[in-house]
Structures are given as C-alpha cells and as structure tokens.
Amino acid sequence: MILPIPMEAMSVAASPAASLGDHLCENGFECVEILPATNDAHGGVIVYLKDPMDPQVFASLLKSSLLQWKKQGKDGVWIKLPIELVNLVEIAVKEGFCYHHAEPNYVMLVYWIPKTGCTIPPNASHRVTVAAIVLNDNKEMLVVKEKRGRFHGIGVWKLPTGVVDAGEDIFEAAVREVKEETGVDTQFVEILGFSQAHNSFFGKSDLSFLCMLHPLSFDIKRQELEIEAVQWMPFEEYAVQPFNQKHEPFKYITELCMAKIEKGYTGFCPRPVSSFFSKDLSCIYLNSKDFDKSC
C-alpha cells in the first residue's frame, strides 16, 4: 500500500527507518509505502499478511506504517501473522507489539498507539463445557468412567462431559458428547443450570452447562480412547456415591436431577433468534413454560 504524503511532512515520513518503502511521486507528494491494512470498527487497523516477506523489508514497512497510523489518529493496530511468517514476530515485538492470541495456524499481535489507557479487550477468558444428564424411563442414568484426567482411577461414575467447539451451540455439543462417549443417541431437553469456575485451563475460566437430554437409543458403544466404562445406572445408586455426597457441585447436580424428576423443575430451552451482527441464527435459552404463559 502506498500513501501520498505532502512534501512538508517529509521530515517525518522520509526518515531513514522508512526509506526502504518510500517512493517519490508527482505533484510534490512523497509516497510512503506502508503495510496493507483495513480499518476496523473501533478506530484501528488490521494487517493481514499472507505472502513471504524479507524481514528487513517488513521492519522498514512496519516503522513507516506506525508513523502514518499515528498521524491518522488510529488506536489499535492488529497484525495477523500466519505460521509460515513466524520469523517476523520478533521484529513486531521489538516495535512494541504484544501477543493477543494464537490459533493453530496463526498468531495475532496488537499495538496500542494512544498514550491513554488501552481499551483493547483481552483474549477470550472462558472455555465452555457441557455435562449431560440422560435418564431413561426406568430412572436409570447414563454414566461413564474416564480413562484419563482428574476422574481417572478414583472409581467415580460421572456424567458424560466435554468442551463446546467453536461455532457449536450448547445443545449441539451436549448431544454430540453423549454420542461420542457412549454411542447413545439423544434429544436435547433443556439446561438445568450452569456454573463458573476459575483457573481451570491455562489460567482461563470455565462456564459449564448442566444439560438434560432424552435418550433416543439405549445400546451402548463405548469410546475406547477416553472412556473406560459406560452403563445405565439406577439414579439412586448414582446419587449415593461417596464422591457425589462429599463435593458440593456434584451434590447440586443430584439435587437438580431430583427436582426435575419429582417436582417438574423447569430449565432453559433454546430458541433460535436472528442476530444483528451475523446472518447465522443464534440461540436464546429461556424458561419456555413460564415464558409462554406470560405471553
């Protein structure tokens, strides 16, 4: 990208650090080459680099780009570097860029230009997980023993659980996790409750949703990689496990399940809604029974 700069501004734009990307244009303008960028919705710019670039060229273009963006009154500068261009990370860091987040195929760096406090939000702070209560008509609960993790080797029969994938709805994740771990097909009913825990995964927090599902099949096919055993267990037998009695979160799971069975406790069901920000449908979870009565 080449920007025309008035000659009176050349003392700044044509500094030695930026000279590699400068081009003299007609009509008294100094054309300063800067990194390709697009404006974001918050007064900043985003740089997407895809093609290989010589580190010295990148260093020069980055310096000249920052000068121009400062003069334009920009705030945050984002640079998305694919894993193939990881050699440019050190150069950006030396210019004051910080890590914001990383994915398997790229790293995102960010730089805050104003001298005021930075308003750039941090990377995602929470991981979303699901736990699935699956009860059949005989009041038997679908439970598993895990081969690895915190529950391995302590003899606890627990609910099928798992992490919600990016772009996946909570109800979809609950159905998927049950199928993957146990082979049982289910229909999502509602969310009975949720919990928040901190410092659980690389310093991040967890939002865990307790979901009620109705079984559509009953034959078990255990996931051999992660699951040691699966069975349909009488609910009373599940509830009296010493582990469940000792630890409060698991006591609440038992009590919520009993409230659902005996008192008709109503949870939250998904309703598709259109989003202002996306063409895709999202979901709002609400107490359908009481909500519909109020309408």
Protein backbone atom coordinates (compact mmCIF):
# COMPACT_ATOMS: atom_id res chain seq x y z
CA MET A 1 0.00 0.00 0.00
CA ILE A 2 1.38 3.44 -0.97
CA LEU A 3 0.16 6.63 0.67
CA PRO A 4 0.81 10.13 -0.79
CA ILE A 5 2.36 12.43 1.82
CA PRO A 6 2.75 16.22 1.33
CA MET A 7 6.35 17.34 0.95
CA GLU A 8 6.15 19.41 4.15
CA ALA A 9 5.65 16.16 6.04
CA MET A 10 8.72 14.52 4.51
CA SER A 11 10.86 15.23 7.54
CA VAL A 12 8.82 12.60 9.38
CA ALA A 13 7.70 10.28 6.60
CA ALA A 14 11.06 10.01 4.86
CA SER A 15 13.08 9.13 7.94
CA PRO A 16 15.91 6.60 7.40
CA ALA A 17 13.86 3.88 9.07
CA ALA A 18 11.11 4.26 6.49
CA SER A 19 13.25 4.91 3.42
CA LEU A 20 13.09 1.36 2.09
CA GLY A 21 9.38 1.75 1.37
CA ASP A 22 9.37 5.35 0.10
CA HIS A 23 8.63 6.38 -3.47
CA LEU A 24 8.81 9.90 -4.95
CA CYS A 25 5.57 10.83 -6.72
CA GLU A 26 4.44 13.74 -8.84
CA ASN A 27 2.80 16.99 -7.69
CA GLY A 28 5.04 17.48 -4.68
CA PHE A 29 3.99 14.39 -2.78
CA GLU A 30 6.22 11.84 -1.13
CA CYS A 31 4.64 8.41 -1.49
CA VAL A 32 5.34 6.29 1.57
CA GLU A 33 4.80 2.57 1.21
CA ILE A 34 3.11 1.00 4.21
CA LEU A 35 1.79 -2.41 5.12
CA PRO A 36 -1.56 -3.43 3.59
CA ALA A 37 -4.26 -2.83 6.17
CA THR A 38 -8.00 -2.43 6.56
CA ASN A 39 -9.83 -0.23 9.05
CA ASP A 40 -11.63 -1.98 11.87
CA ALA A 41 -14.86 -0.84 13.53
CA HIS A 42 -13.11 0.66 16.55
CA GLY A 43 -10.75 3.24 15.10
CA GLY A 44 -7.88 0.89 14.45
CA VAL A 45 -6.36 -1.05 11.58
CA ILE A 46 -5.84 -4.73 10.85
CA VAL A 47 -2.88 -6.04 8.86
CA TYR A 48 -3.28 -9.43 7.21
CA LEU A 49 -0.01 -10.79 5.87
CA LYS A 50 -0.09 -13.88 3.68
CA ASP A 51 2.91 -13.82 1.35
CA PRO A 52 6.56 -14.29 2.41
CA MET A 53 8.36 -11.02 3.17
CA ASP A 54 12.01 -10.20 3.77
CA PRO A 55 12.48 -9.38 7.47
CA GLN A 56 14.31 -6.12 6.68
CA VAL A 57 11.54 -5.03 4.34
CA PHE A 58 8.95 -5.88 6.98
CA ALA A 59 10.85 -3.94 9.66
CA SER A 60 11.05 -0.84 7.46
CA LEU A 61 7.42 -1.01 6.35
CA LEU A 62 6.27 -1.53 9.93
CA LYS A 63 8.11 1.57 11.14
CA SER A 64 6.73 3.75 8.34
CA SER A 65 3.26 2.30 8.80
CA LEU A 66 3.19 3.10 12.51
CA LEU A 67 4.24 6.69 11.75
CA GLN A 68 1.35 7.10 9.31
CA TRP A 69 -1.23 5.44 11.53
CA LYS A 70 -0.19 7.65 14.46
CA LYS A 71 -0.65 10.77 12.30
CA GLN A 72 -4.04 9.46 11.15
CA GLY A 73 -5.17 9.15 14.79
CA LYS A 74 -5.55 5.39 14.74
CA ASP A 75 -5.85 3.49 18.00
CA GLY A 76 -5.15 -0.22 17.93
CA VAL A 77 -3.00 -1.94 15.30
CA TRP A 78 -3.52 -5.65 14.73
CA ILE A 79 -1.13 -7.85 12.78
CA LYS A 80 -2.21 -11.37 11.87
CA LEU A 81 0.82 -13.50 11.01
CA PRO A 82 0.28 -16.99 9.59
CA ILE A 83 2.53 -19.68 10.98
CA GLU A 84 4.61 -19.54 7.78
CA LEU A 85 5.66 -15.98 8.68
CA VAL A 86 6.57 -16.63 12.29
CA ASN A 87 10.05 -15.23 11.60
CA LEU A 88 8.50 -11.75 11.60
CA VAL A 89 7.15 -11.99 15.14
CA GLU A 90 10.39 -10.87 16.81
CA ILE A 91 10.54 -7.74 14.66
CA ALA A 92 6.99 -6.75 15.60
CA VAL A 93 7.62 -7.40 19.29
CA LYS A 94 10.69 -5.15 19.21
CA GLU A 95 8.48 -2.38 17.83
CA GLY A 96 6.19 -2.69 20.85
CA PHE A 97 3.63 -5.26 19.68
CA CYS A 98 2.28 -7.78 22.18
CA TYR A 99 0.75 -11.21 21.78
CA HIS A 100 -3.03 -11.12 21.87
CA HIS A 101 -3.93 -14.70 20.94
CA ALA A 102 -2.85 -17.62 18.81
CA GLU A 103 -4.56 -20.38 16.87
CA PRO A 104 -3.04 -23.48 15.26
CA ASN A 105 -2.30 -21.62 12.01
CA TYR A 106 -1.62 -18.01 13.07
CA VAL A 107 -0.64 -15.60 15.82
CA MET A 108 -2.34 -12.24 16.39
CA LEU A 109 -0.24 -9.33 17.63
CA VAL A 110 -1.54 -5.97 18.81
CA TYR A 111 -0.15 -2.47 19.43
CA TRP A 112 -1.93 0.39 21.21
CA ILE A 113 -0.97 3.78 19.78
CA PRO A 114 -2.58 6.41 22.07
CA LYS A 115 -0.93 7.37 25.35
CA THR A 116 -4.28 6.88 27.09
CA GLY A 117 -5.24 3.60 28.72
CA CYS A 118 -5.58 0.67 26.34
CA THR A 119 -9.19 -0.35 25.66
CA ILE A 120 -8.42 -3.43 23.59
CA PRO A 121 -10.29 -6.39 25.14
CA PRO A 122 -8.16 -9.35 26.22
CA ASN A 123 -8.32 -12.69 24.52
CA ALA A 124 -11.30 -14.93 25.30
CA SER A 125 -11.31 -15.56 29.05
CA HIS A 126 -13.61 -18.58 29.25
CA ARG A 127 -13.89 -22.09 27.94
CA VAL A 128 -17.43 -23.50 27.61
CA THR A 129 -18.15 -27.08 28.65
CA VAL A 130 -21.24 -29.26 28.94
CA ALA A 131 -22.32 -32.06 31.27
CA ALA A 132 -25.23 -34.27 30.18
CA ILE A 133 -27.90 -35.87 32.32
CA VAL A 134 -29.52 -38.68 30.33
CA LEU A 135 -32.35 -40.52 32.12
CA ASN A 136 -34.42 -43.35 30.71
CA ASP A 137 -37.99 -44.26 31.67
CA ASN A 138 -36.69 -46.65 34.36
CA LYS A 139 -34.94 -43.72 36.12
CA GLU A 140 -31.58 -45.06 35.09
CA MET A 141 -28.82 -42.55 34.35
CA LEU A 142 -26.24 -42.88 31.60
CA VAL A 143 -22.84 -42.66 33.33
CA VAL A 144 -19.20 -43.15 32.39
CA LYS A 145 -15.80 -43.86 33.92
CA GLU A 146 -12.94 -41.95 32.31
CA LYS A 147 -9.56 -43.34 31.24
CA ARG A 148 -7.69 -40.09 31.79
CA GLY A 149 -7.98 -36.77 33.56
CA ARG A 150 -8.93 -35.84 37.12
CA PHE A 151 -11.56 -38.59 37.45
CA HIS A 152 -9.36 -41.44 36.25
CA GLY A 153 -8.54 -44.10 38.81
CA ILE A 154 -10.83 -42.89 41.63
CA GLY A 155 -13.77 -45.16 40.82
CA VAL A 156 -16.30 -42.43 40.16
CA TRP A 157 -19.21 -42.89 37.77
CA LYS A 158 -19.87 -39.47 36.29
CA LEU A 159 -21.91 -37.70 33.62
CA PRO A 160 -20.68 -37.52 30.02
CA THR A 161 -18.89 -34.19 29.65
CA GLY A 162 -16.93 -32.25 27.06
CA VAL A 163 -15.88 -28.94 25.56
CA VAL A 164 -18.13 -26.94 23.22
CA ASP A 165 -16.39 -26.48 19.86
CA ALA A 166 -16.02 -23.07 18.24
CA GLY A 167 -19.20 -22.25 16.31
CA GLU A 168 -21.15 -25.03 18.06
CA ASP A 169 -24.32 -24.41 20.06
CA ILE A 170 -24.54 -25.69 23.62
CA PHE A 171 -27.38 -28.10 22.84
CA GLU A 172 -25.49 -29.49 19.86
CA ALA A 173 -22.38 -30.06 21.96
CA ALA A 174 -24.31 -31.95 24.63
CA VAL A 175 -25.87 -34.32 22.08
CA ARG A 176 -22.52 -34.80 20.33
CA GLU A 177 -20.56 -35.52 23.50
CA VAL A 178 -23.04 -38.15 24.67
CA LYS A 179 -22.94 -39.84 21.27
CA GLU A 180 -19.13 -39.78 21.11
CA GLU A 181 -18.57 -41.12 24.62
CA THR A 182 -21.40 -43.64 24.90
CA GLY A 183 -22.83 -44.30 21.43
CA VAL A 184 -26.32 -43.33 22.68
CA ASP A 185 -28.48 -41.03 20.53
CA THR A 186 -30.29 -38.30 22.46
CA GLN A 187 -32.61 -35.34 22.11
CA PHE A 188 -31.78 -32.13 23.95
CA VAL A 189 -34.41 -31.09 26.51
CA GLU A 190 -33.09 -28.11 28.48
CA ILE A 191 -30.33 -26.53 30.53
CA LEU A 192 -30.93 -27.18 34.23
CA GLY A 193 -28.21 -24.84 35.47
CA PHE A 194 -24.67 -23.64 34.91
CA SER A 195 -21.55 -23.00 36.94
CA GLN A 196 -18.48 -20.79 36.65
CA ALA A 197 -15.02 -21.87 37.80
CA HIS A 198 -11.66 -20.11 37.54
CA ASN A 199 -8.03 -21.07 36.87
CA SER A 200 -9.10 -24.35 35.34
CA PHE A 201 -7.37 -24.40 31.95
CA PHE A 202 -4.12 -22.48 31.38
CA GLY A 203 -5.36 -19.79 33.75
CA LYS A 204 -8.71 -19.43 31.97
CA SER A 205 -12.17 -19.78 33.48
CA ASP A 206 -14.84 -22.36 32.72
CA LEU A 207 -18.54 -21.93 32.09
CA SER A 208 -20.11 -25.36 32.46
CA PHE A 209 -23.73 -26.02 31.45
CA LEU A 210 -25.69 -28.87 33.01
CA CYS A 211 -27.96 -30.22 30.29
CA MET A 212 -30.95 -32.58 30.39
CA LEU A 213 -31.29 -34.96 27.43
CA HIS A 214 -33.83 -37.61 26.48
CA PRO A 215 -32.45 -40.92 25.14
CA LEU A 216 -33.49 -41.98 21.65
CA SER A 217 -31.47 -45.21 21.73
CA PHE A 218 -30.19 -47.40 24.54
CA ASP A 219 -27.44 -49.65 23.17
CA ILE A 220 -24.00 -48.60 24.43
CA LYS A 221 -20.91 -48.27 22.27
CA ARG A 222 -18.04 -47.02 24.41
CA GLN A 223 -15.47 -44.54 23.10
CA GLU A 224 -12.31 -46.61 23.68
CA LEU A 225 -9.80 -43.75 23.60
CA GLU A 226 -11.12 -41.77 26.59
CA ILE A 227 -13.82 -43.86 28.27
CA GLU A 228 -13.08 -46.87 30.49
CA ALA A 229 -16.69 -47.98 31.04
CA VAL A 230 -20.30 -46.94 30.34
CA GLN A 231 -23.54 -48.16 31.88
CA TRP A 232 -27.15 -47.33 32.67
CA MET A 233 -27.11 -46.91 36.46
CA PRO A 234 -30.15 -46.55 38.74
CA PHE A 235 -30.36 -42.90 39.71
CA GLU A 236 -30.40 -43.73 43.44
CA GLU A 237 -27.13 -45.65 43.06
CA TYR A 238 -25.54 -42.74 41.21
CA ALA A 239 -26.71 -40.24 43.84
CA VAL A 240 -25.28 -42.08 46.87
CA GLN A 241 -21.74 -42.35 45.54
CA PRO A 242 -19.43 -41.03 48.32
CA PHE A 243 -17.79 -38.64 45.85
CA ASN A 244 -21.12 -37.05 44.99
CA GLN A 245 -22.02 -36.68 48.65
CA LYS A 246 -18.67 -35.14 49.57
CA HIS A 247 -18.31 -32.48 46.85
CA GLU A 248 -20.87 -29.66 46.66
CA PRO A 249 -21.03 -29.20 42.85
CA PHE A 250 -21.92 -32.87 42.44
CA LYS A 251 -24.46 -32.70 45.27
CA TYR A 252 -26.18 -29.87 43.40
CA ILE A 253 -26.26 -31.96 40.22
CA THR A 254 -28.01 -34.72 42.12
CA GLU A 255 -30.47 -32.30 43.73
CA LEU A 256 -31.27 -30.63 40.41
CA CYS A 257 -31.92 -34.02 38.87
CA MET A 258 -34.21 -34.99 41.74
CA ALA A 259 -36.07 -31.68 41.43
CA LYS A 260 -36.59 -32.40 37.74
CA ILE A 261 -37.86 -35.93 38.37
CA GLU A 262 -40.04 -35.27 41.39
CA LYS A 263 -41.12 -31.62 41.18
CA GLY A 264 -41.13 -30.79 37.49
CA TYR A 265 -38.27 -28.30 37.78
CA THR A 266 -38.16 -26.24 34.57
CA GLY A 267 -34.87 -25.35 32.94
CA PHE A 268 -33.96 -23.31 29.90
CA CYS A 269 -34.71 -24.37 26.32
CA PRO A 270 -33.03 -22.99 23.19
CA ARG A 271 -34.99 -20.73 20.85
CA PRO A 272 -33.39 -19.72 17.54
CA VAL A 273 -33.04 -15.97 17.05
CA SER A 274 -31.61 -13.90 14.23
CA SER A 275 -28.54 -11.87 15.07
CA PHE A 276 -27.85 -8.20 14.37
CA PHE A 277 -24.18 -8.99 13.79
CA SER A 278 -24.41 -12.15 11.69
CA LYS A 279 -26.61 -13.86 9.12
CA ASP A 280 -26.39 -17.05 11.16
CA LEU A 281 -29.04 -17.91 13.70
CA SER A 282 -28.06 -17.95 17.36
CA CYS A 283 -29.97 -19.22 20.39
CA ILE A 284 -31.50 -17.64 23.45
CA TYR A 285 -32.13 -20.04 26.34
CA LEU A 286 -35.24 -19.41 28.40
CA ASN A 287 -37.85 -21.00 30.65
CA SER A 288 -40.33 -21.80 27.90
CA LYS A 289 -43.15 -22.95 30.18
CA ASP A 290 -43.37 -19.77 32.26
CA PHE A 291 -42.43 -17.53 29.36
CA ASP A 292 -45.22 -18.83 27.14
CA LYS A 293 -47.74 -18.42 29.97
CA SER A 294 -46.78 -14.77 30.33
CA CYS A 295 -47.27 -14.00 26.62
